[in-house]
Amino acid sequence: SNNFESDRAYFSGRKRRFQSIIQGRFKEPLAVSDVLTGHEFIRPLKKLPPRWFVSAATRLICRVAPGTQMDVTGSQPEAFSVLAATSQTVRADVAGR
């Protein structure tokens, strides 16, 4: 943001490393569980651990974070989670406020 003091207060004394701010309106009603965050890659990932380890780690992550969608071994790897489940802070305001 452009407010250095506000940013410093947000990070002070916490293990936060970054902040993402999204502002806008949805064009139609949407369930919170349908709003995802994650990563998409256009090429396969290189130098992955053994396949058995990736499979075990993926199962563990999906068990700990229900709603997570992962495929890191495919030709176009991706990993997505529900935004509200992965955020430390979520704020929604009424339009105009």
C-alpha atoms as a PDB file:
ATOM      1  CA  SER A   1       0.000   0.000   0.000  1.00  0.00           C
ATOM      2  CA  ASN A   2       0.985   3.623   0.057  1.00  0.00           C
ATOM      3  CA  ASN A   3       0.661   3.858   3.849  1.00  0.00           C
ATOM      4  CA  PHE A   4       4.035   2.840   5.314  1.00  0.00           C
ATOM      5  CA  GLU A   5       2.923   3.140   8.954  1.00  0.00           C
ATOM      6  CA  SER A   6      -0.165   0.986   8.385  1.00  0.00           C
ATOM      7  CA  ASP A   7       1.965  -1.633   6.617  1.00  0.00           C
ATOM      8  CA  ARG A   8       4.495  -1.671   9.446  1.00  0.00           C
ATOM      9  CA  ALA A   9       1.719  -2.209  12.021  1.00  0.00           C
ATOM     10  CA  TYR A  10       0.258  -5.070   9.934  1.00  0.00           C
ATOM     11  CA  PHE A  11       3.591  -6.964   9.873  1.00  0.00           C
ATOM     12  CA  SER A  12       4.987  -5.942  13.270  1.00  0.00           C
ATOM     13  CA  GLY A  13       5.494  -8.854  15.684  1.00  0.00           C
ATOM     14  CA  ARG A  14       4.019 -11.410  13.262  1.00  0.00           C
ATOM     15  CA  LYS A  15       5.468 -14.050  10.980  1.00  0.00           C
ATOM     16  CA  ARG A  16       3.744 -12.564   7.945  1.00  0.00           C
ATOM     17  CA  ARG A  17       5.952 -12.273   4.870  1.00  0.00           C
ATOM     18  CA  PHE A  18       3.638 -10.706   2.293  1.00  0.00           C
ATOM     19  CA  GLN A  19       0.241  -9.146   1.836  1.00  0.00           C
ATOM     20  CA  SER A  20      -2.158  -9.459  -1.096  1.00  0.00           C
ATOM     21  CA  ILE A  21      -4.999  -6.990  -1.457  1.00  0.00           C
ATOM     22  CA  ILE A  22      -7.803  -7.619  -3.941  1.00  0.00           C
ATOM     23  CA  GLN A  23     -10.501  -5.050  -4.501  1.00  0.00           C
ATOM     24  CA  GLY A  24     -13.523  -5.362  -6.710  1.00  0.00           C
ATOM     25  CA  ARG A  25     -16.968  -6.861  -7.066  1.00  0.00           C
ATOM     26  CA  PHE A  26     -18.150 -10.214  -8.291  1.00  0.00           C
ATOM     27  CA  LYS A  27     -20.430 -10.029 -11.313  1.00  0.00           C
ATOM     28  CA  GLU A  28     -22.747 -12.657  -9.824  1.00  0.00           C
ATOM     29  CA  PRO A  29     -23.272 -14.263  -6.408  1.00  0.00           C
ATOM     30  CA  LEU A  30     -20.493 -16.703  -5.582  1.00  0.00           C
ATOM     31  CA  ALA A  31     -19.926 -19.097  -2.701  1.00  0.00           C
ATOM     32  CA  VAL A  32     -16.822 -18.317  -0.646  1.00  0.00           C
ATOM     33  CA  SER A  33     -15.721 -21.927  -1.154  1.00  0.00           C
ATOM     34  CA  ASP A  34     -15.536 -21.274  -4.916  1.00  0.00           C
ATOM     35  CA  VAL A  35     -12.955 -18.471  -4.590  1.00  0.00           C
ATOM     36  CA  LEU A  36      -9.545 -20.079  -5.032  1.00  0.00           C
ATOM     37  CA  THR A  37      -5.926 -19.027  -4.783  1.00  0.00           C
ATOM     38  CA  GLY A  38      -2.933 -20.918  -6.053  1.00  0.00           C
ATOM     39  CA  HIS A  39      -0.422 -21.435  -8.809  1.00  0.00           C
ATOM     40  CA  GLU A  40      -0.521 -22.663 -12.409  1.00  0.00           C
ATOM     41  CA  PHE A  41       2.574 -23.503 -14.428  1.00  0.00           C
ATOM     42  CA  ILE A  42       2.816 -23.863 -18.206  1.00  0.00           C
ATOM     43  CA  ARG A  43       5.687 -26.388 -18.094  1.00  0.00           C
ATOM     44  CA  PRO A  44       6.386 -29.440 -15.937  1.00  0.00           C
ATOM     45  CA  LEU A  45       8.259 -28.845 -12.686  1.00  0.00           C
ATOM     46  CA  LYS A  46      11.873 -30.033 -12.672  1.00  0.00           C
ATOM     47  CA  LYS A  47      13.890 -31.822 -10.010  1.00  0.00           C
ATOM     48  CA  LEU A  48      10.906 -33.036  -7.986  1.00  0.00           C
ATOM     49  CA  PRO A  49      11.447 -35.456  -5.102  1.00  0.00           C
ATOM     50  CA  PRO A  50      10.679 -39.142  -5.755  1.00  0.00           C
ATOM     51  CA  ARG A  51       7.118 -39.819  -6.955  1.00  0.00           C
ATOM     52  CA  TRP A  52       6.212 -41.718  -3.744  1.00  0.00           C
ATOM     53  CA  PHE A  53       7.196 -38.680  -1.657  1.00  0.00           C
ATOM     54  CA  VAL A  54       5.232 -36.237  -3.833  1.00  0.00           C
ATOM     55  CA  SER A  55       2.193 -38.522  -3.629  1.00  0.00           C
ATOM     56  CA  ALA A  56       2.417 -38.820   0.176  1.00  0.00           C
ATOM     57  CA  ALA A  57       2.928 -35.061   0.588  1.00  0.00           C
ATOM     58  CA  THR A  58      -0.034 -34.305  -1.687  1.00  0.00           C
ATOM     59  CA  ARG A  59      -2.310 -36.643   0.290  1.00  0.00           C
ATOM     60  CA  LEU A  60      -1.187 -35.064   3.584  1.00  0.00           C
ATOM     61  CA  ILE A  61      -1.747 -31.506   2.318  1.00  0.00           C
ATOM     62  CA  CYS A  62      -5.211 -32.401   0.985  1.00  0.00           C
ATOM     63  CA  ARG A  63      -6.122 -34.016   4.304  1.00  0.00           C
ATOM     64  CA  VAL A  64      -4.935 -31.015   6.360  1.00  0.00           C
ATOM     65  CA  ALA A  65      -6.458 -28.472   3.962  1.00  0.00           C
ATOM     66  CA  PRO A  66      -9.732 -29.851   2.575  1.00  0.00           C
ATOM     67  CA  GLY A  67     -10.674 -28.330  -0.761  1.00  0.00           C
ATOM     68  CA  THR A  68      -7.077 -28.241  -1.967  1.00  0.00           C
ATOM     69  CA  GLN A  69      -6.607 -29.289  -5.579  1.00  0.00           C
ATOM     70  CA  MET A  70      -3.104 -30.364  -6.562  1.00  0.00           C
ATOM     71  CA  ASP A  71      -1.347 -31.929  -9.523  1.00  0.00           C
ATOM     72  CA  VAL A  72       2.347 -31.103  -9.391  1.00  0.00           C
ATOM     73  CA  THR A  73       3.582 -33.987 -11.562  1.00  0.00           C
ATOM     74  CA  GLY A  74       1.555 -33.242 -14.715  1.00  0.00           C
ATOM     75  CA  SER A  75       2.600 -31.419 -17.869  1.00  0.00           C
ATOM     76  CA  GLN A  76       0.976 -28.220 -16.523  1.00  0.00           C
ATOM     77  CA  PRO A  77       1.304 -28.440 -12.713  1.00  0.00           C
ATOM     78  CA  GLU A  78      -1.192 -26.637 -10.498  1.00  0.00           C
ATOM     79  CA  ALA A  79      -2.098 -26.218  -6.845  1.00  0.00           C
ATOM     80  CA  PHE A  80      -5.216 -24.417  -5.617  1.00  0.00           C
ATOM     81  CA  SER A  81      -6.825 -23.874  -2.220  1.00  0.00           C
ATOM     82  CA  VAL A  82      -9.904 -22.038  -1.003  1.00  0.00           C
ATOM     83  CA  LEU A  83      -8.811 -18.407  -0.470  1.00  0.00           C
ATOM     84  CA  ALA A  84     -10.645 -17.961   2.830  1.00  0.00           C
ATOM     85  CA  ALA A  85      -9.052 -21.157   4.212  1.00  0.00           C
ATOM     86  CA  THR A  86      -5.496 -20.081   3.413  1.00  0.00           C
ATOM     87  CA  SER A  87      -5.720 -16.445   4.504  1.00  0.00           C
ATOM     88  CA  GLN A  88      -4.757 -15.165   7.932  1.00  0.00           C
ATOM     89  CA  THR A  89      -7.084 -12.207   7.510  1.00  0.00           C
ATOM     90  CA  VAL A  90     -10.087 -11.762   5.227  1.00  0.00           C
ATOM     91  CA  ARG A  91     -12.149  -8.585   5.023  1.00  0.00           C
ATOM     92  CA  ALA A  92     -15.281  -7.922   3.000  1.00  0.00           C
ATOM     93  CA  ASP A  93     -17.046  -4.585   3.002  1.00  0.00           C
ATOM     94  CA  VAL A  94     -20.397  -3.410   1.742  1.00  0.00           C
ATOM     95  CA  ALA A  95     -20.023  -1.594  -1.561  1.00  0.00           C
ATOM     96  CA  GLY A  96     -19.378   2.124  -1.106  1.00  0.00           C
ATOM     97  CA  ARG A  97     -17.920   1.890   2.396  1.00  0.00           C
END
